[in-house]
Amino acid sequence: MSVKFKVASKASPQSVERLLGTLTDQGLAAERMFPNQRRPALERVFIIRSPQAKVGAVTKALEPYAQDIEFVEGNVTRRPLSR
């Protein structure tokens, strides 16, 4: 499973490093979803690709940084419009 989250634009680089460290300490290594992206909105999106990654666990780990997180979401289920 993968879990995505977006860091708020007001978050300082130090805060981002701390929250990434917190996730790593819990075995939930996050990486940029769009590496080398220069658009600010996309460079702040991270993804955790791990079987242990659950939305609830990631949300709980990020609670101390809630003011710096815009959203946390799991896999999106897509349904075809026609069958």
C-alpha atoms as a PDB file:
ATOM      1  CA  MET A   1       0.000   0.000   0.000  1.00  0.00           C
ATOM      2  CA  SER A   2       1.109   3.556  -0.487  1.00  0.00           C
ATOM      3  CA  VAL A   3       0.219   6.664   1.474  1.00  0.00           C
ATOM      4  CA  LYS A   4       0.591  10.179   0.103  1.00  0.00           C
ATOM      5  CA  PHE A   5       0.806  13.390   2.054  1.00  0.00           C
ATOM      6  CA  LYS A   6       1.386  17.018   1.207  1.00  0.00           C
ATOM      7  CA  VAL A   7       3.415  19.437   3.269  1.00  0.00           C
ATOM      8  CA  ALA A   8       1.966  22.938   3.653  1.00  0.00           C
ATOM      9  CA  SER A   9       3.765  25.797   1.924  1.00  0.00           C
ATOM     10  CA  LYS A  10       4.295  27.549   5.274  1.00  0.00           C
ATOM     11  CA  ALA A  11       6.301  24.600   6.678  1.00  0.00           C
ATOM     12  CA  SER A  12       9.947  25.396   7.256  1.00  0.00           C
ATOM     13  CA  PRO A  13      12.643  23.145   5.759  1.00  0.00           C
ATOM     14  CA  GLN A  14      13.670  22.203   9.317  1.00  0.00           C
ATOM     15  CA  SER A  15      10.123  21.100  10.136  1.00  0.00           C
ATOM     16  CA  VAL A  16       9.971  19.019   6.958  1.00  0.00           C
ATOM     17  CA  GLU A  17      13.260  17.323   7.883  1.00  0.00           C
ATOM     18  CA  ARG A  18      11.957  16.592  11.404  1.00  0.00           C
ATOM     19  CA  LEU A  19       8.695  15.062  10.169  1.00  0.00           C
ATOM     20  CA  LEU A  20      10.520  12.953   7.572  1.00  0.00           C
ATOM     21  CA  GLY A  21      12.881  11.794  10.320  1.00  0.00           C
ATOM     22  CA  THR A  22       9.950  10.893  12.547  1.00  0.00           C
ATOM     23  CA  LEU A  23       8.449   8.761   9.776  1.00  0.00           C
ATOM     24  CA  THR A  24      11.794   7.089   9.053  1.00  0.00           C
ATOM     25  CA  ASP A  25      12.219   6.269  12.756  1.00  0.00           C
ATOM     26  CA  GLN A  26       8.884   4.429  12.566  1.00  0.00           C
ATOM     27  CA  GLY A  27       9.899   2.463   9.466  1.00  0.00           C
ATOM     28  CA  LEU A  28       7.873   4.640   7.097  1.00  0.00           C
ATOM     29  CA  ALA A  29      10.438   6.168   4.753  1.00  0.00           C
ATOM     30  CA  ALA A  30       8.899   8.925   2.637  1.00  0.00           C
ATOM     31  CA  GLU A  31      10.201  10.202  -0.665  1.00  0.00           C
ATOM     32  CA  ARG A  32       9.126  12.995  -2.970  1.00  0.00           C
ATOM     33  CA  MET A  33       6.395  11.814  -5.289  1.00  0.00           C
ATOM     34  CA  PHE A  34       7.708  14.111  -8.023  1.00  0.00           C
ATOM     35  CA  PRO A  35      11.518  14.192  -7.678  1.00  0.00           C
ATOM     36  CA  ASN A  36      13.313  17.163  -9.223  1.00  0.00           C
ATOM     37  CA  GLN A  37      10.044  19.052  -9.553  1.00  0.00           C
ATOM     38  CA  ARG A  38      10.366  22.834  -9.480  1.00  0.00           C
ATOM     39  CA  ARG A  39       6.683  23.705  -9.061  1.00  0.00           C
ATOM     40  CA  PRO A  40       6.144  24.365  -5.349  1.00  0.00           C
ATOM     41  CA  ALA A  41       2.770  22.609  -5.184  1.00  0.00           C
ATOM     42  CA  LEU A  42       4.198  19.363  -6.572  1.00  0.00           C
ATOM     43  CA  GLU A  43       7.541  19.377  -4.784  1.00  0.00           C
ATOM     44  CA  ARG A  44       5.709  19.260  -1.443  1.00  0.00           C
ATOM     45  CA  VAL A  45       3.935  15.948  -2.189  1.00  0.00           C
ATOM     46  CA  PHE A  46       5.535  12.880  -0.586  1.00  0.00           C
ATOM     47  CA  ILE A  47       4.749   9.174  -0.836  1.00  0.00           C
ATOM     48  CA  ILE A  48       5.438   6.212   1.406  1.00  0.00           C
ATOM     49  CA  ARG A  49       5.622   2.932  -0.517  1.00  0.00           C
ATOM     50  CA  SER A  50       5.540   0.145   2.012  1.00  0.00           C
ATOM     51  CA  PRO A  51       3.289  -2.769   2.944  1.00  0.00           C
ATOM     52  CA  GLN A  52       3.254  -1.355   6.491  1.00  0.00           C
ATOM     53  CA  ALA A  53       2.051   2.065   5.293  1.00  0.00           C
ATOM     54  CA  LYS A  54      -1.483   2.587   6.535  1.00  0.00           C
ATOM     55  CA  VAL A  55      -3.261   5.931   6.469  1.00  0.00           C
ATOM     56  CA  GLY A  56      -4.074   5.751  10.175  1.00  0.00           C
ATOM     57  CA  ALA A  57      -0.484   4.983  11.195  1.00  0.00           C
ATOM     58  CA  VAL A  58       0.924   7.779   9.031  1.00  0.00           C
ATOM     59  CA  THR A  59      -1.682  10.248  10.263  1.00  0.00           C
ATOM     60  CA  LYS A  60      -0.865   9.368  13.862  1.00  0.00           C
ATOM     61  CA  ALA A  61       2.874   9.727  13.262  1.00  0.00           C
ATOM     62  CA  LEU A  62       2.325  13.149  11.683  1.00  0.00           C
ATOM     63  CA  GLU A  63       0.000  14.472  14.424  1.00  0.00           C
ATOM     64  CA  PRO A  64       2.767  16.559  16.077  1.00  0.00           C
ATOM     65  CA  TYR A  65       3.239  18.273  12.703  1.00  0.00           C
ATOM     66  CA  ALA A  66      -0.459  18.736  11.885  1.00  0.00           C
ATOM     67  CA  GLN A  67      -0.019  22.463  11.228  1.00  0.00           C
ATOM     68  CA  ASP A  68       2.513  21.572   8.494  1.00  0.00           C
ATOM     69  CA  ILE A  69       0.435  18.910   6.688  1.00  0.00           C
ATOM     70  CA  GLU A  70      -2.268  19.681   4.101  1.00  0.00           C
ATOM     71  CA  PHE A  71      -3.528  16.108   3.630  1.00  0.00           C
ATOM     72  CA  VAL A  72      -2.809  12.409   4.110  1.00  0.00           C
ATOM     73  CA  GLU A  73      -4.447   9.892   1.781  1.00  0.00           C
ATOM     74  CA  GLY A  74      -4.228   6.236   0.864  1.00  0.00           C
ATOM     75  CA  ASN A  75      -4.738   4.468  -2.433  1.00  0.00           C
ATOM     76  CA  VAL A  76      -7.520   5.847  -4.577  1.00  0.00           C
ATOM     77  CA  THR A  77      -9.979   3.335  -5.988  1.00  0.00           C
ATOM     78  CA  ARG A  78     -10.933   4.082  -9.573  1.00  0.00           C
ATOM     79  CA  ARG A  79     -13.994   2.722 -11.312  1.00  0.00           C
ATOM     80  CA  PRO A  80     -14.485   2.685 -15.057  1.00  0.00           C
ATOM     81  CA  LEU A  81     -17.449   4.722 -16.285  1.00  0.00           C
ATOM     82  CA  SER A  82     -18.498   2.070 -18.788  1.00  0.00           C
ATOM     83  CA  ARG A  83     -18.288  -1.681 -18.650  1.00  0.00           C
END
